Amino acid sequence: MARLLIVGPQGSGKGTQGVRIAEALGVPVVSTGDVFRANVAGGTDLGVQVKEIIDAGQLVPDELTSAVVRDRLSKEDAAGGFLLDGYPRNLPQVMHLDEFLGGRDEKLDAVIVLEVPREESIARLSKRALEQGRADDTETVIAQRLAIYESETAPIIGVYATRGIVDEIDGTGSVDEITDRILAALRARGLGSPAAA
């Protein structure tokens, strides 16, 4: 049983590490982007609402985002644990998640924070933009995204830090090295088995 949240700035390798950690622990990754896309593709009631908002060029409100995530966490494969990626993203969403998990007599076991220097994030994202031919990913745009992450996410990390569940992980080095650091931190909390390394 492991209920985790992975947090990190754009370019921190959060998506890659999330998948690896979830596989090692045998839990599903619950990424808001993926859940939105699945609901839209499936034409669910929630998906129809999300599509209308996205098509209008607006951000999905916290209440609807939380409803979509609650729906996903209620699926059978998430009963034994999950790894959240991209949610909660701000303080209202933390409150929504607390209410939902509290109603099931559950709570997050650990929050993995990938620490990557700003220059490293910018360098990684600039490289990715070049490789994928994404002209909109300029250094200015990337810096703006990182600033939004820092202003929105820092308060969340503070809330979880007061609960003693934050593990700050050095997000530099090889993909394998970073995975090993995360799994070691989780094992120190009694999450996952030694064989998961």
N, C-alpha and C. Protein backbone atom coordinates (compact mmCIF):
# COMPACT_ATOMS: atom_id res chain seq x y z
N MET A 1 0.84 -1.19 0.00
CA MET A 1 0.00 0.00 0.00
C MET A 1 0.89 1.25 0.00
N ALA A 2 0.80 2.03 -1.03
CA ALA A 2 1.55 3.28 -1.07
C ALA A 2 0.71 4.33 -1.79
N ARG A 3 0.46 5.44 -1.10
CA ARG A 3 -0.26 6.56 -1.72
C ARG A 3 0.70 7.71 -1.79
N LEU A 4 1.13 8.01 -3.00
CA LEU A 4 2.22 8.96 -3.19
C LEU A 4 1.84 10.12 -4.08
N LEU A 5 2.59 11.20 -3.92
CA LEU A 5 2.49 12.36 -4.80
C LEU A 5 3.91 12.67 -5.25
N ILE A 6 4.11 12.90 -6.54
CA ILE A 6 5.42 13.32 -7.03
C ILE A 6 5.30 14.74 -7.55
N VAL A 7 6.23 15.58 -7.12
CA VAL A 7 6.21 17.00 -7.44
C VAL A 7 7.58 17.41 -7.97
N GLY A 8 7.58 18.29 -8.95
CA GLY A 8 8.85 18.80 -9.45
C GLY A 8 8.60 19.78 -10.57
N PRO A 9 9.54 20.68 -10.79
CA PRO A 9 9.36 21.66 -11.86
C PRO A 9 9.39 21.00 -13.23
N GLN A 10 8.90 21.71 -14.25
CA GLN A 10 9.00 21.20 -15.61
C GLN A 10 10.47 20.93 -15.89
N GLY A 11 10.74 19.78 -16.53
CA GLY A 11 12.12 19.43 -16.84
C GLY A 11 12.82 18.68 -15.73
N SER A 12 12.09 18.36 -14.65
CA SER A 12 12.72 17.65 -13.53
C SER A 12 12.76 16.15 -13.74
N GLY A 13 12.04 15.66 -14.77
CA GLY A 13 11.98 14.21 -15.00
C GLY A 13 10.87 13.55 -14.20
N LYS A 14 9.94 14.38 -13.71
CA LYS A 14 8.83 13.90 -12.86
C LYS A 14 8.01 12.81 -13.54
N GLY A 15 7.66 13.01 -14.83
CA GLY A 15 6.85 12.02 -15.55
C GLY A 15 7.57 10.69 -15.67
N THR A 16 8.84 10.75 -16.04
CA THR A 16 9.66 9.53 -16.18
C THR A 16 9.78 8.80 -14.85
N GLN A 17 10.12 9.54 -13.79
CA GLN A 17 10.31 8.91 -12.48
C GLN A 17 9.00 8.39 -11.92
N GLY A 18 7.92 9.13 -12.16
CA GLY A 18 6.62 8.69 -11.67
C GLY A 18 6.25 7.31 -12.19
N VAL A 19 6.45 7.11 -13.49
CA VAL A 19 6.14 5.82 -14.12
C VAL A 19 7.02 4.72 -13.52
N ARG A 20 8.32 5.01 -13.35
CA ARG A 20 9.24 3.99 -12.83
C ARG A 20 8.91 3.60 -11.38
N ILE A 21 8.62 4.60 -10.56
CA ILE A 21 8.31 4.33 -9.15
C ILE A 21 7.00 3.57 -9.03
N ALA A 22 6.00 3.99 -9.81
CA ALA A 22 4.69 3.32 -9.77
C ALA A 22 4.84 1.85 -10.18
N GLU A 23 5.65 1.60 -11.23
CA GLU A 23 5.88 0.21 -11.67
C GLU A 23 6.57 -0.59 -10.58
N ALA A 24 7.57 0.02 -9.94
CA ALA A 24 8.33 -0.68 -8.89
C ALA A 24 7.42 -1.04 -7.71
N LEU A 25 6.43 -0.20 -7.43
CA LEU A 25 5.54 -0.44 -6.28
C LEU A 25 4.23 -1.12 -6.67
N GLY A 26 4.01 -1.27 -7.97
CA GLY A 26 2.79 -1.94 -8.43
C GLY A 26 1.53 -1.13 -8.23
N VAL A 27 1.65 0.19 -8.39
CA VAL A 27 0.46 1.06 -8.26
C VAL A 27 0.32 1.87 -9.56
N PRO A 28 -0.90 2.35 -9.87
CA PRO A 28 -1.08 3.14 -11.09
C PRO A 28 -0.60 4.59 -10.91
N VAL A 29 -0.11 5.17 -12.01
CA VAL A 29 0.18 6.60 -12.03
C VAL A 29 -1.14 7.30 -12.36
N VAL A 30 -1.49 8.29 -11.56
CA VAL A 30 -2.69 9.08 -11.83
C VAL A 30 -2.22 10.50 -12.18
N SER A 31 -2.14 10.75 -13.48
CA SER A 31 -1.70 12.05 -13.98
C SER A 31 -2.92 12.81 -14.45
N THR A 32 -3.07 14.05 -14.00
CA THR A 32 -4.27 14.82 -14.37
C THR A 32 -4.41 14.92 -15.88
N GLY A 33 -3.30 15.17 -16.58
CA GLY A 33 -3.36 15.27 -18.05
C GLY A 33 -3.92 14.01 -18.68
N ASP A 34 -3.42 12.85 -18.24
CA ASP A 34 -3.87 11.56 -18.79
C ASP A 34 -5.35 11.32 -18.46
N VAL A 35 -5.73 11.66 -17.21
CA VAL A 35 -7.11 11.43 -16.77
C VAL A 35 -8.07 12.32 -17.56
N PHE A 36 -7.67 13.59 -17.77
CA PHE A 36 -8.49 14.49 -18.60
C PHE A 36 -8.67 13.90 -19.99
N ARG A 37 -7.55 13.50 -20.60
CA ARG A 37 -7.59 12.97 -21.98
C ARG A 37 -8.47 11.72 -22.06
N ALA A 38 -8.36 10.82 -21.07
CA ALA A 38 -9.15 9.59 -21.07
C ALA A 38 -10.64 9.90 -20.97
N ASN A 39 -11.00 10.87 -20.12
CA ASN A 39 -12.41 11.24 -19.97
C ASN A 39 -12.96 11.90 -21.23
N VAL A 40 -12.14 12.76 -21.84
CA VAL A 40 -12.56 13.43 -23.08
C VAL A 40 -12.75 12.39 -24.18
N ALA A 41 -11.75 11.50 -24.32
CA ALA A 41 -11.82 10.46 -25.36
C ALA A 41 -13.01 9.53 -25.12
N GLY A 42 -13.31 9.26 -23.85
CA GLY A 42 -14.41 8.34 -23.52
C GLY A 42 -15.78 9.01 -23.56
N GLY A 43 -15.79 10.34 -23.73
CA GLY A 43 -17.06 11.06 -23.81
C GLY A 43 -17.87 11.03 -22.53
N THR A 44 -17.18 10.89 -21.37
CA THR A 44 -17.90 10.86 -20.09
C THR A 44 -18.48 12.25 -19.80
N ASP A 45 -19.39 12.32 -18.83
CA ASP A 45 -19.97 13.61 -18.44
C ASP A 45 -18.87 14.58 -18.02
N LEU A 46 -17.92 14.07 -17.21
CA LEU A 46 -16.81 14.91 -16.77
C LEU A 46 -15.96 15.33 -17.97
N GLY A 47 -15.74 14.38 -18.89
CA GLY A 47 -14.94 14.65 -20.08
C GLY A 47 -15.55 15.74 -20.96
N VAL A 48 -16.88 15.72 -21.08
CA VAL A 48 -17.58 16.74 -21.88
C VAL A 48 -17.36 18.12 -21.26
N GLN A 49 -17.47 18.20 -19.93
CA GLN A 49 -17.26 19.48 -19.24
C GLN A 49 -15.82 19.97 -19.43
N VAL A 50 -14.87 19.04 -19.26
CA VAL A 50 -13.44 19.39 -19.40
C VAL A 50 -13.16 19.89 -20.82
N LYS A 51 -13.71 19.18 -21.82
CA LYS A 51 -13.45 19.54 -23.22
C LYS A 51 -13.97 20.95 -23.53
N GLU A 52 -15.15 21.26 -23.05
CA GLU A 52 -15.73 22.60 -23.29
C GLU A 52 -14.81 23.69 -22.74
N ILE A 53 -14.29 23.46 -21.53
CA ILE A 53 -13.43 24.45 -20.87
C ILE A 53 -12.10 24.60 -21.62
N ILE A 54 -11.49 23.45 -21.96
CA ILE A 54 -10.20 23.47 -22.67
C ILE A 54 -10.37 24.10 -24.05
N ASP A 55 -11.45 23.72 -24.75
CA ASP A 55 -11.70 24.28 -26.09
C ASP A 55 -11.89 25.79 -26.04
N ALA A 56 -12.37 26.30 -24.91
CA ALA A 56 -12.57 27.75 -24.76
C ALA A 56 -11.27 28.44 -24.34
N GLY A 57 -10.19 27.63 -24.23
CA GLY A 57 -8.88 28.18 -23.88
C GLY A 57 -8.74 28.55 -22.42
N GLN A 58 -9.57 27.92 -21.57
CA GLN A 58 -9.52 28.23 -20.14
C GLN A 58 -8.90 27.09 -19.35
N LEU A 59 -8.50 27.40 -18.11
CA LEU A 59 -7.98 26.37 -17.22
C LEU A 59 -9.15 25.64 -16.57
N VAL A 60 -8.98 24.34 -16.37
CA VAL A 60 -10.03 23.56 -15.71
C VAL A 60 -10.07 23.97 -14.24
N PRO A 61 -11.26 24.38 -13.72
CA PRO A 61 -11.33 24.83 -12.33
C PRO A 61 -10.98 23.73 -11.34
N ASP A 62 -10.53 24.15 -10.15
CA ASP A 62 -10.10 23.19 -9.12
C ASP A 62 -11.17 22.16 -8.80
N GLU A 63 -12.43 22.60 -8.67
CA GLU A 63 -13.51 21.69 -8.28
C GLU A 63 -13.69 20.58 -9.30
N LEU A 64 -13.64 20.94 -10.59
CA LEU A 64 -13.81 19.94 -11.65
C LEU A 64 -12.58 19.04 -11.74
N THR A 65 -11.39 19.63 -11.62
CA THR A 65 -10.16 18.83 -11.62
C THR A 65 -10.22 17.80 -10.50
N SER A 66 -10.64 18.24 -9.32
CA SER A 66 -10.73 17.35 -8.16
C SER A 66 -11.77 16.25 -8.40
N ALA A 67 -12.88 16.60 -9.03
CA ALA A 67 -13.93 15.60 -9.31
C ALA A 67 -13.40 14.52 -10.26
N VAL A 68 -12.63 14.95 -11.27
CA VAL A 68 -12.06 14.00 -12.24
C VAL A 68 -11.06 13.06 -11.53
N VAL A 69 -10.23 13.65 -10.65
CA VAL A 69 -9.23 12.83 -9.94
C VAL A 69 -9.93 11.88 -8.96
N ARG A 70 -10.94 12.38 -8.24
CA ARG A 70 -11.69 11.51 -7.31
C ARG A 70 -12.28 10.31 -8.05
N ASP A 71 -12.83 10.59 -9.23
CA ASP A 71 -13.42 9.52 -10.04
C ASP A 71 -12.35 8.48 -10.39
N ARG A 72 -11.16 8.95 -10.76
CA ARG A 72 -10.07 8.02 -11.14
C ARG A 72 -9.58 7.22 -9.93
N LEU A 73 -9.47 7.88 -8.78
CA LEU A 73 -8.98 7.20 -7.57
C LEU A 73 -10.00 6.20 -7.02
N SER A 74 -11.25 6.31 -7.49
CA SER A 74 -12.29 5.37 -7.04
C SER A 74 -12.27 4.07 -7.84
N LYS A 75 -11.46 4.02 -8.91
CA LYS A 75 -11.36 2.80 -9.73
C LYS A 75 -10.63 1.71 -8.94
N GLU A 76 -10.93 0.48 -9.29
CA GLU A 76 -10.43 -0.68 -8.54
C GLU A 76 -8.90 -0.74 -8.48
N ASP A 77 -8.23 -0.38 -9.60
CA ASP A 77 -6.77 -0.54 -9.63
C ASP A 77 -6.06 0.43 -8.67
N ALA A 78 -6.78 1.47 -8.19
CA ALA A 78 -6.15 2.43 -7.28
C ALA A 78 -6.46 2.12 -5.81
N ALA A 79 -7.21 1.04 -5.59
CA ALA A 79 -7.60 0.69 -4.21
C ALA A 79 -6.39 0.37 -3.34
N GLY A 80 -5.35 -0.21 -3.95
CA GLY A 80 -4.16 -0.58 -3.18
C GLY A 80 -3.07 0.46 -3.19
N GLY A 81 -3.38 1.66 -3.68
CA GLY A 81 -2.39 2.72 -3.71
C GLY A 81 -2.33 3.38 -5.08
N PHE A 82 -1.58 4.45 -5.16
CA PHE A 82 -1.47 5.22 -6.41
C PHE A 82 -0.31 6.18 -6.31
N LEU A 83 0.08 6.72 -7.45
CA LEU A 83 1.07 7.79 -7.48
C LEU A 83 0.46 8.95 -8.26
N LEU A 84 0.25 10.07 -7.58
CA LEU A 84 -0.35 11.25 -8.20
C LEU A 84 0.74 12.09 -8.86
N ASP A 85 0.46 12.54 -10.07
CA ASP A 85 1.39 13.39 -10.82
C ASP A 85 0.60 14.57 -11.38
N GLY A 86 0.90 15.77 -10.89
CA GLY A 86 0.21 16.96 -11.39
C GLY A 86 -1.02 17.36 -10.57
N TYR A 87 -1.29 16.65 -9.50
CA TYR A 87 -2.42 16.96 -8.62
C TYR A 87 -2.09 16.45 -7.22
N PRO A 88 -2.34 17.22 -6.17
CA PRO A 88 -2.85 18.58 -6.16
C PRO A 88 -1.77 19.57 -6.57
N ARG A 89 -2.21 20.68 -7.17
CA ARG A 89 -1.29 21.65 -7.74
C ARG A 89 -1.32 22.97 -6.97
N ASN A 90 -2.34 23.12 -6.13
CA ASN A 90 -2.46 24.35 -5.33
C ASN A 90 -3.19 24.01 -4.02
N LEU A 91 -3.31 24.99 -3.14
CA LEU A 91 -3.88 24.72 -1.81
C LEU A 91 -5.34 24.27 -1.83
N PRO A 92 -6.22 24.87 -2.68
CA PRO A 92 -7.60 24.36 -2.71
C PRO A 92 -7.65 22.87 -3.10
N GLN A 93 -6.79 22.46 -4.04
CA GLN A 93 -6.78 21.04 -4.44
C GLN A 93 -6.26 20.15 -3.32
N VAL A 94 -5.33 20.66 -2.50
CA VAL A 94 -4.86 19.88 -1.33
C VAL A 94 -6.04 19.62 -0.40
N MET A 95 -6.86 20.64 -0.18
CA MET A 95 -8.04 20.49 0.68
C MET A 95 -9.02 19.48 0.10
N HIS A 96 -9.24 19.53 -1.21
CA HIS A 96 -10.16 18.58 -1.86
C HIS A 96 -9.64 17.15 -1.68
N LEU A 97 -8.33 16.96 -1.89
CA LEU A 97 -7.75 15.61 -1.77
C LEU A 97 -7.84 15.12 -0.32
N ASP A 98 -7.55 16.01 0.64
CA ASP A 98 -7.64 15.63 2.05
C ASP A 98 -9.05 15.16 2.40
N GLU A 99 -10.06 15.90 1.91
CA GLU A 99 -11.46 15.53 2.18
C GLU A 99 -11.79 14.17 1.60
N PHE A 100 -11.35 13.95 0.35
CA PHE A 100 -11.65 12.68 -0.33
C PHE A 100 -10.97 11.51 0.39
N LEU A 101 -9.67 11.64 0.65
CA LEU A 101 -8.95 10.54 1.30
C LEU A 101 -9.44 10.34 2.73
N GLY A 102 -9.72 11.45 3.43
CA GLY A 102 -10.22 11.36 4.80
C GLY A 102 -11.53 10.60 4.86
N GLY A 103 -12.37 10.79 3.85
CA GLY A 103 -13.65 10.09 3.77
C GLY A 103 -13.47 8.59 3.60
N ARG A 104 -12.28 8.19 3.11
CA ARG A 104 -11.99 6.76 2.95
C ARG A 104 -11.05 6.27 4.04
N ASP A 105 -10.80 7.13 5.04
CA ASP A 105 -9.89 6.81 6.13
C ASP A 105 -8.48 6.51 5.59
N GLU A 106 -8.07 7.32 4.62
CA GLU A 106 -6.74 7.18 4.01
C GLU A 106 -6.02 8.53 4.06
N LYS A 107 -4.72 8.48 3.79
CA LYS A 107 -3.94 9.72 3.66
C LYS A 107 -2.72 9.45 2.77
N LEU A 108 -2.09 10.51 2.30
CA LEU A 108 -0.87 10.34 1.52
C LEU A 108 0.22 9.80 2.44
N ASP A 109 1.02 8.87 1.90
CA ASP A 109 2.12 8.29 2.69
C ASP A 109 3.41 9.07 2.51
N ALA A 110 3.62 9.61 1.30
CA ALA A 110 4.86 10.34 1.04
C ALA A 110 4.67 11.28 -0.14
N VAL A 111 5.40 12.40 -0.09
CA VAL A 111 5.42 13.36 -1.19
C VAL A 111 6.87 13.44 -1.66
N ILE A 112 7.10 13.01 -2.89
CA ILE A 112 8.45 13.02 -3.47
C ILE A 112 8.64 14.35 -4.18
N VAL A 113 9.61 15.13 -3.74
CA VAL A 113 9.89 16.42 -4.37
C VAL A 113 11.22 16.31 -5.10
N LEU A 114 11.17 16.39 -6.42
CA LEU A 114 12.40 16.33 -7.22
C LEU A 114 13.02 17.72 -7.26
N GLU A 115 14.22 17.82 -6.69
CA GLU A 115 14.91 19.10 -6.62
C GLU A 115 15.88 19.21 -7.81
N VAL A 116 15.62 20.18 -8.65
CA VAL A 116 16.48 20.40 -9.81
C VAL A 116 16.77 21.90 -9.89
N PRO A 117 18.06 22.29 -9.99
CA PRO A 117 18.36 23.72 -10.11
C PRO A 117 17.64 24.31 -11.32
N ARG A 118 17.21 25.56 -11.18
CA ARG A 118 16.47 26.25 -12.24
C ARG A 118 17.22 26.19 -13.58
N GLU A 119 18.54 26.42 -13.54
CA GLU A 119 19.33 26.42 -14.79
C GLU A 119 19.26 25.06 -15.46
N GLU A 120 19.27 24.00 -14.63
CA GLU A 120 19.21 22.63 -15.16
C GLU A 120 17.85 22.38 -15.84
N SER A 121 16.76 22.83 -15.19
CA SER A 121 15.42 22.68 -15.78
C SER A 121 15.36 23.40 -17.12
N ILE A 122 15.85 24.63 -17.15
CA ILE A 122 15.81 25.43 -18.38
C ILE A 122 16.63 24.74 -19.47
N ALA A 123 17.80 24.24 -19.10
CA ALA A 123 18.67 23.56 -20.08
C ALA A 123 17.98 22.30 -20.63
N ARG A 124 17.38 21.51 -19.75
CA ARG A 124 16.70 20.28 -20.18
C ARG A 124 15.52 20.60 -21.11
N LEU A 125 14.71 21.59 -20.71
CA LEU A 125 13.53 21.94 -21.51
C LEU A 125 13.93 22.56 -22.85
N SER A 126 14.99 23.36 -22.85
CA SER A 126 15.46 23.96 -24.11
C SER A 126 15.94 22.87 -25.06
N LYS A 127 16.64 21.87 -24.49
CA LYS A 127 17.13 20.75 -25.30
C LYS A 127 15.95 19.96 -25.86
N ARG A 128 14.96 19.70 -25.03
CA ARG A 128 13.78 18.95 -25.46
C ARG A 128 13.03 19.71 -26.57
N ALA A 129 12.92 21.03 -26.39
CA ALA A 129 12.23 21.86 -27.40
C ALA A 129 12.95 21.77 -28.74
N LEU A 130 14.27 21.77 -28.69
CA LEU A 130 15.09 21.69 -29.90
C LEU A 130 14.90 20.33 -30.58
N GLU A 131 14.95 19.26 -29.75
CA GLU A 131 14.80 17.90 -30.28
C GLU A 131 13.41 17.66 -30.87
N GLN A 132 12.38 18.26 -30.24
CA GLN A 132 11.01 18.04 -30.69
C GLN A 132 10.51 19.14 -31.62
N GLY A 133 11.39 20.10 -31.91
CA GLY A 133 11.01 21.19 -32.81
C GLY A 133 9.91 22.07 -32.28
N ARG A 134 9.91 22.29 -30.95
CA ARG A 134 8.87 23.12 -30.34
C ARG A 134 9.37 24.56 -30.21
N ALA A 135 9.03 25.36 -31.19
CA ALA A 135 9.52 26.74 -31.24
C ALA A 135 8.94 27.61 -30.12
N ASP A 136 7.77 27.19 -29.56
CA ASP A 136 7.15 28.00 -28.51
C ASP A 136 7.86 27.87 -27.16
N ASP A 137 8.71 26.83 -27.04
CA ASP A 137 9.42 26.63 -25.77
C ASP A 137 10.69 27.47 -25.73
N THR A 138 10.54 28.78 -25.67
CA THR A 138 11.71 29.66 -25.57
C THR A 138 12.13 29.73 -24.11
N GLU A 139 13.32 30.25 -23.86
CA GLU A 139 13.80 30.37 -22.48
C GLU A 139 12.88 31.24 -21.65
N THR A 140 12.31 32.29 -22.27
CA THR A 140 11.41 33.20 -21.55
C THR A 140 10.15 32.46 -21.12
N VAL A 141 9.57 31.68 -22.04
CA VAL A 141 8.34 30.92 -21.75
C VAL A 141 8.63 29.89 -20.66
N ILE A 142 9.76 29.20 -20.79
CA ILE A 142 10.15 28.18 -19.80
C ILE A 142 10.31 28.83 -18.42
N ALA A 143 10.98 29.97 -18.39
CA ALA A 143 11.20 30.68 -17.11
C ALA A 143 9.86 31.08 -16.48
N GLN A 144 8.89 31.49 -17.32
CA GLN A 144 7.56 31.85 -16.81
C GLN A 144 6.87 30.64 -16.19
N ARG A 145 6.98 29.48 -16.88
CA ARG A 145 6.36 28.26 -16.35
C ARG A 145 6.97 27.87 -15.01
N LEU A 146 8.29 28.01 -14.92
CA LEU A 146 8.97 27.66 -13.68
C LEU A 146 8.55 28.60 -12.55
N ALA A 147 8.34 29.87 -12.88
CA ALA A 147 7.92 30.86 -11.87
C ALA A 147 6.52 30.50 -11.34
N ILE A 148 5.63 30.08 -12.25
CA ILE A 148 4.28 29.67 -11.84
C ILE A 148 4.37 28.45 -10.92
N TYR A 149 5.21 27.48 -11.30
CA TYR A 149 5.41 26.28 -10.48
C TYR A 149 5.87 26.68 -9.08
N GLU A 150 6.87 27.57 -9.04
CA GLU A 150 7.43 27.97 -7.74
C GLU A 150 6.40 28.67 -6.87
N SER A 151 5.58 29.54 -7.48
CA SER A 151 4.61 30.30 -6.67
C SER A 151 3.42 29.42 -6.25
N GLU A 152 3.00 28.49 -7.12
CA GLU A 152 1.82 27.65 -6.81
C GLU A 152 2.17 26.44 -5.95
N THR A 153 3.35 25.87 -6.22
CA THR A 153 3.64 24.58 -5.60
C THR A 153 4.38 24.69 -4.27
N ALA A 154 5.17 25.74 -4.09
CA ALA A 154 5.90 25.90 -2.83
C ALA A 154 4.97 25.82 -1.61
N PRO A 155 3.79 26.49 -1.64
CA PRO A 155 2.90 26.39 -0.47
C PRO A 155 2.42 24.96 -0.21
N ILE A 156 2.22 24.17 -1.26
CA ILE A 156 1.78 22.77 -1.11
C ILE A 156 2.84 21.97 -0.37
N ILE A 157 4.09 22.15 -0.84
CA ILE A 157 5.20 21.41 -0.22
C ILE A 157 5.29 21.78 1.26
N GLY A 158 5.05 23.06 1.55
CA GLY A 158 5.07 23.51 2.95
C GLY A 158 4.02 22.81 3.80
N VAL A 159 2.81 22.65 3.25
CA VAL A 159 1.72 21.97 3.97
C VAL A 159 2.12 20.53 4.27
N TYR A 160 2.61 19.83 3.24
CA TYR A 160 2.97 18.43 3.43
C TYR A 160 4.22 18.26 4.32
N ALA A 161 5.11 19.25 4.28
CA ALA A 161 6.31 19.19 5.13
C ALA A 161 5.92 19.22 6.61
N THR A 162 4.88 20.02 6.94
CA THR A 162 4.44 20.07 8.35
C THR A 162 3.87 18.71 8.80
N ARG A 163 3.46 17.89 7.83
CA ARG A 163 2.95 16.54 8.17
C ARG A 163 4.06 15.50 8.20
N GLY A 164 5.28 15.94 7.86
CA GLY A 164 6.43 15.03 7.92
C GLY A 164 6.46 13.97 6.85
N ILE A 165 5.85 14.25 5.69
CA ILE A 165 5.81 13.21 4.64
C ILE A 165 6.57 13.60 3.38
N VAL A 166 7.35 14.69 3.44
CA VAL A 166 8.07 15.15 2.24
C VAL A 166 9.47 14.54 2.20
N ASP A 167 9.81 13.97 1.04
CA ASP A 167 11.17 13.50 0.78
C ASP A 167 11.73 14.33 -0.36
N GLU A 168 12.72 15.16 -0.06
CA GLU A 168 13.35 15.96 -1.11
C GLU A 168 14.46 15.13 -1.73
N ILE A 169 14.36 14.94 -3.04
CA ILE A 169 15.28 14.07 -3.77
C ILE A 169 16.10 14.89 -4.76
N ASP A 170 17.40 14.66 -4.77
CA ASP A 170 18.27 15.31 -5.75
C ASP A 170 17.89 14.78 -7.14
N GLY A 171 17.36 15.66 -7.99
CA GLY A 171 16.89 15.26 -9.31
C GLY A 171 17.93 15.37 -10.41
N THR A 172 19.21 15.51 -10.01
CA THR A 172 20.28 15.55 -11.02
C THR A 172 21.00 14.21 -11.05
N GLY A 173 21.60 13.90 -12.19
CA GLY A 173 22.28 12.61 -12.36
C GLY A 173 21.55 11.77 -13.38
N SER A 174 21.90 10.49 -13.45
CA SER A 174 21.26 9.61 -14.44
C SER A 174 19.85 9.24 -13.97
N VAL A 175 19.03 8.80 -14.90
CA VAL A 175 17.65 8.39 -14.59
C VAL A 175 17.67 7.29 -13.53
N ASP A 176 18.57 6.31 -13.69
CA ASP A 176 18.66 5.19 -12.73
C ASP A 176 19.06 5.68 -11.33
N GLU A 177 20.02 6.60 -11.28
CA GLU A 177 20.47 7.12 -9.98
C GLU A 177 19.33 7.80 -9.23
N ILE A 178 18.53 8.58 -9.97
CA ILE A 178 17.42 9.31 -9.35
C ILE A 178 16.36 8.32 -8.86
N THR A 179 16.05 7.30 -9.68
CA THR A 179 15.08 6.27 -9.28
C THR A 179 15.55 5.58 -8.00
N ASP A 180 16.84 5.24 -7.94
CA ASP A 180 17.39 4.56 -6.76
C ASP A 180 17.25 5.43 -5.51
N ARG A 181 17.49 6.74 -5.66
CA ARG A 181 17.36 7.66 -4.51
C ARG A 181 15.92 7.69 -4.00
N ILE A 182 14.97 7.75 -4.95
CA ILE A 182 13.55 7.80 -4.56
C ILE A 182 13.15 6.52 -3.84
N LEU A 183 13.51 5.38 -4.43
CA LEU A 183 13.12 4.09 -3.83
C LEU A 183 13.76 3.92 -2.45
N ALA A 184 14.99 4.39 -2.28
CA ALA A 184 15.67 4.30 -0.98
C ALA A 184 14.92 5.14 0.06
N ALA A 185 14.49 6.33 -0.34
CA ALA A 185 13.74 7.21 0.59
C ALA A 185 12.41 6.56 0.97
N LEU A 186 11.75 5.94 -0.01
CA LEU A 186 10.46 5.29 0.28
C LEU A 186 10.65 4.07 1.18
N ARG A 187 11.72 3.30 0.93
CA ARG A 187 11.99 2.14 1.79
C ARG A 187 12.24 2.58 3.22
N ALA A 188 12.91 3.74 3.38
CA ALA A 188 13.17 4.26 4.73
C ALA A 188 11.87 4.57 5.45
N ARG A 189 10.81 4.79 4.70
CA ARG A 189 9.47 5.03 5.28
C ARG A 189 8.67 3.73 5.39
N GLY A 190 9.28 2.62 5.01
CA GLY A 190 8.57 1.34 5.07
C GLY A 190 7.65 1.12 3.88
N LEU A 191 7.89 1.88 2.81
CA LEU A 191 7.05 1.74 1.60
C LEU A 191 7.83 0.99 0.53
N GLY A 192 7.20 0.02 -0.07
CA GLY A 192 7.89 -0.78 -1.09
C GLY A 192 8.74 -1.82 -0.40
N SER A 193 9.20 -2.77 -1.18
CA SER A 193 10.00 -3.86 -0.61
C SER A 193 11.45 -3.68 -1.05
N PRO A 194 12.38 -4.30 -0.32
CA PRO A 194 13.79 -4.22 -0.73
C PRO A 194 13.98 -4.69 -2.17
N ALA A 195 13.10 -5.62 -2.61
CA ALA A 195 13.21 -6.16 -3.98
C ALA A 195 12.85 -5.12 -5.02
N ALA A 196 12.21 -4.02 -4.59
CA ALA A 196 11.80 -2.99 -5.55
C ALA A 196 12.98 -2.19 -6.10
N ALA A 197 14.16 -2.37 -5.50
CA ALA A 197 15.32 -1.59 -5.94
C ALA A 197 15.84 -2.11 -7.26
